[in-house]
Protein backbone atom coordinates (compact mmCIF):
# COMPACT_ATOMS: atom_id res chain seq x y z
CA MET A 1 98.68 111.27 95.48
CA CYS A 2 95.71 112.46 97.48
CA PRO A 3 95.53 115.97 98.91
CA PRO A 4 97.78 116.53 101.93
CA PRO A 5 96.12 115.96 105.32
CA SER A 6 95.94 119.71 106.01
CA SER A 7 93.59 120.17 103.04
CA ARG A 8 91.33 117.30 104.12
CA GLY A 9 90.86 118.35 107.71
CA PRO A 10 92.12 116.37 110.69
CA ALA A 11 92.86 112.69 110.21
CA THR A 12 90.46 110.27 111.81
CA PRO A 13 92.08 108.89 114.95
CA LYS A 14 93.16 105.28 115.19
CA LEU A 15 90.61 103.02 116.84
CA PRO A 16 90.96 102.70 120.60
CA GLY A 17 92.90 99.66 121.70
CA GLY A 18 94.69 99.32 118.36
CA GLU A 19 97.84 97.25 118.57
CA GLU A 20 100.10 98.00 115.66
CA ARG A 21 101.81 94.62 115.76
CA GLY A 22 98.48 92.96 115.21
CA PRO A 23 97.54 89.38 116.02
CA ALA A 24 99.76 86.33 115.63
CA GLY A 25 100.38 85.35 112.02
CA VAL A 26 100.45 88.82 110.46
CA GLN A 27 102.85 89.00 107.54
CA ARG A 28 104.64 92.29 106.86
CA PHE A 29 105.63 93.52 103.42
CA GLU A 30 107.71 96.49 102.31
CA VAL A 31 105.69 98.74 100.00
CA SER A 32 107.93 101.19 98.18
CA GLU A 33 105.63 102.56 95.47
CA ARG A 34 102.26 104.32 95.62
CA THR A 35 101.74 106.24 92.41
CA HIS A 36 98.30 106.80 90.87
CA ILE A 37 98.14 105.06 87.51
CA ASN A 38 95.43 104.29 84.98
CA ALA A 39 96.49 100.75 84.10
CA PRO A 40 96.30 97.29 85.62
CA VAL A 41 99.01 96.53 88.18
CA ALA A 42 100.74 93.18 88.73
CA TYR A 43 100.91 92.92 92.51
CA ALA A 44 103.34 90.66 94.38
CA GLN A 45 100.76 89.59 96.99
CA VAL A 46 97.31 88.03 96.57
CA PRO A 47 95.34 90.07 97.43
CA PRO A 48 97.60 93.11 97.23
CA VAL A 49 98.79 94.98 100.32
CA GLY A 50 99.92 98.20 98.65
CA GLY A 51 101.72 99.64 95.66
CA ASN A 52 100.75 101.71 92.66
CA HIS A 53 97.00 102.03 92.30
CA ALA A 54 94.03 103.71 90.63
CA PRO A 55 93.45 107.43 91.18
CA VAL A 56 90.03 106.66 92.72
CA TRP A 57 89.56 104.60 95.87
CA GLN A 58 86.91 101.94 96.48
CA ASN A 59 84.13 103.08 98.81
CA CYS A 60 84.35 101.08 102.01
CA GLY A 61 81.61 98.65 102.98
CA PHE A 62 80.48 95.18 101.96
CA TYR A 63 80.45 93.97 98.34
CA ASP A 64 79.05 90.69 97.06
CA ALA A 65 81.10 90.91 93.85
CA SER A 66 84.82 91.29 93.26
CA ILE A 67 86.33 94.75 93.03
CA ALA A 68 89.37 96.00 91.12
CA ASN A 69 92.65 95.50 92.96
CA GLU A 70 93.78 98.98 91.99
CA ASN A 71 90.78 100.64 93.68
CA GLY A 72 91.08 98.41 96.75
CA VAL A 73 94.76 99.30 97.14
CA HIS A 74 93.88 103.00 97.05
CA SER A 75 91.50 102.37 99.98
CA LEU A 76 94.35 100.62 101.83
CA GLU A 77 96.45 103.75 101.31
CA HIS A 78 93.72 105.68 103.16
CA GLY A 79 93.90 103.31 106.14
CA ALA A 80 91.25 100.77 105.19
CA VAL A 81 91.37 97.10 106.06
CA TRP A 82 90.35 95.01 103.06
CA ILE A 83 88.83 91.68 104.03
CA THR A 84 88.58 89.28 101.13
CA TYR A 85 86.90 85.90 101.11
CA ARG A 86 86.63 82.97 98.74
CA PRO A 87 83.41 83.11 96.69
CA ASP A 88 82.44 79.64 97.99
CA LEU A 89 82.78 80.62 101.67
CA PRO A 90 79.75 79.31 103.60
CA ILE A 91 77.03 81.96 103.91
CA GLU A 92 77.20 82.07 107.73
CA GLN A 93 80.89 83.01 107.46
CA VAL A 94 80.15 85.61 104.77
CA ASP A 95 77.54 87.09 107.12
CA ALA A 96 80.11 87.19 109.94
CA VAL A 97 82.55 89.10 107.73
CA ARG A 98 79.78 91.41 106.59
CA ARG A 99 78.96 92.28 110.21
CA LEU A 100 82.52 93.56 110.63
CA THR A 101 81.69 96.50 108.33
CA HIS A 102 78.86 97.79 110.54
CA GLY A 103 79.84 101.03 112.23
CA GLN A 104 83.32 101.00 110.68
CA THR A 105 84.48 103.83 108.43
CA HIS A 106 87.50 102.08 106.89
CA VAL A 107 86.62 98.42 106.36
CA LEU A 108 86.18 97.04 102.87
CA VAL A 109 84.90 93.49 102.25
CA SER A 110 84.66 91.64 98.94
CA PRO A 111 84.87 88.15 97.46
CA TYR A 112 88.19 87.36 95.79
CA PRO A 113 88.62 84.33 93.50
CA GLY A 114 91.85 82.40 93.92
CA LEU A 115 92.61 83.40 97.52
CA PRO A 116 95.39 81.45 99.25
CA ALA A 117 93.09 81.00 102.31
CA PRO A 118 89.32 81.12 102.89
CA VAL A 119 89.57 84.64 104.40
CA VAL A 120 92.42 87.12 104.03
CA ALA A 121 92.65 90.45 105.86
CA SER A 122 94.93 93.07 104.30
CA ALA A 123 96.10 96.53 105.31
CA TRP A 124 98.91 98.66 103.86
CA GLY A 125 101.96 96.38 104.06
CA ARG A 126 100.21 93.83 106.30
CA GLN A 127 98.28 90.62 105.68
CA LEU A 128 96.71 87.80 107.67
CA ARG A 129 95.47 84.53 106.18
CA LEU A 130 92.66 82.79 108.05
CA ASP A 131 90.90 79.44 107.76
CA SER A 132 87.61 80.86 109.05
CA ALA A 133 85.77 84.15 109.45
CA GLY A 134 85.16 83.05 113.04
CA ASP A 135 88.85 83.28 113.92
CA PRO A 136 89.13 86.00 116.61
CA ARG A 137 92.30 87.28 114.94
CA LEU A 138 90.16 88.78 112.17
CA GLU A 139 88.60 91.35 114.52
CA GLN A 140 92.00 91.86 116.17
CA PHE A 141 93.47 92.67 112.74
CA VAL A 142 90.73 95.21 112.06
CA ARG A 143 91.31 96.88 115.45
CA ALA A 144 95.07 96.94 114.92
CA PHE A 145 95.26 98.20 111.35
CA GLN A 146 92.11 100.16 110.49
CA LEU A 147 93.46 103.70 110.26
CA GLY A 148 96.82 102.33 111.38
CA SER A 149 100.10 104.15 110.98
CA PRO A 150 101.47 101.93 108.17
CA ALA A 151 98.90 103.52 105.82
CA PRO A 152 100.54 106.48 104.05
CA GLU A 153 97.34 108.56 103.92
CA ARG A 154 95.46 107.25 106.94
CA GLY A 155 92.31 109.14 107.66
CA ALA A 156 91.70 110.09 104.03
CA PRO A 157 88.13 109.30 102.92
CA CYS A 158 86.77 105.85 102.26
CA THR A 159 83.58 107.31 100.77
CA GLY A 160 83.08 109.48 97.70
CA GLY A 161 85.12 107.12 95.52
CA THR A 162 83.87 104.29 93.33
CA GLY A 163 81.45 101.47 94.02
CA GLU A 164 78.15 101.03 95.81
CA PRO A 165 78.50 98.83 98.88
CA MET A 166 75.46 96.81 99.91
């Protein structure tokens, strides 16, 4: 596990206007494990919404290549929203998703082969499948779950881990 909140300083507050229920269509999943492990994990959801994960989190930001599930899940534990998109998503939609990372401390975006929908937003124990990056529920999901209370270590860093976002 990561250091307790008292050793990290105060947790970053939830975004103003956050609605923990989130937008229509959000699926909820029970996540009962969150151990740091150094091995691949078989997750029940695609992409994963929590569970055992790598000891190092993925730095938040925009990536144009896939990232390891285990690092992404660690970022979710810290309160990140992980937005994944199909690699063949039209460039204007990829740009729209990329814009969602600007000014956000805990948003992670990456392509994800084999997604069940063109765009999928995930947070710890929560997921929303979308047909388009232009769906207003995507921004609603980010507002509701970035640094949201379902994340076991919300407010922990989303920098200083692994990866170099663009």
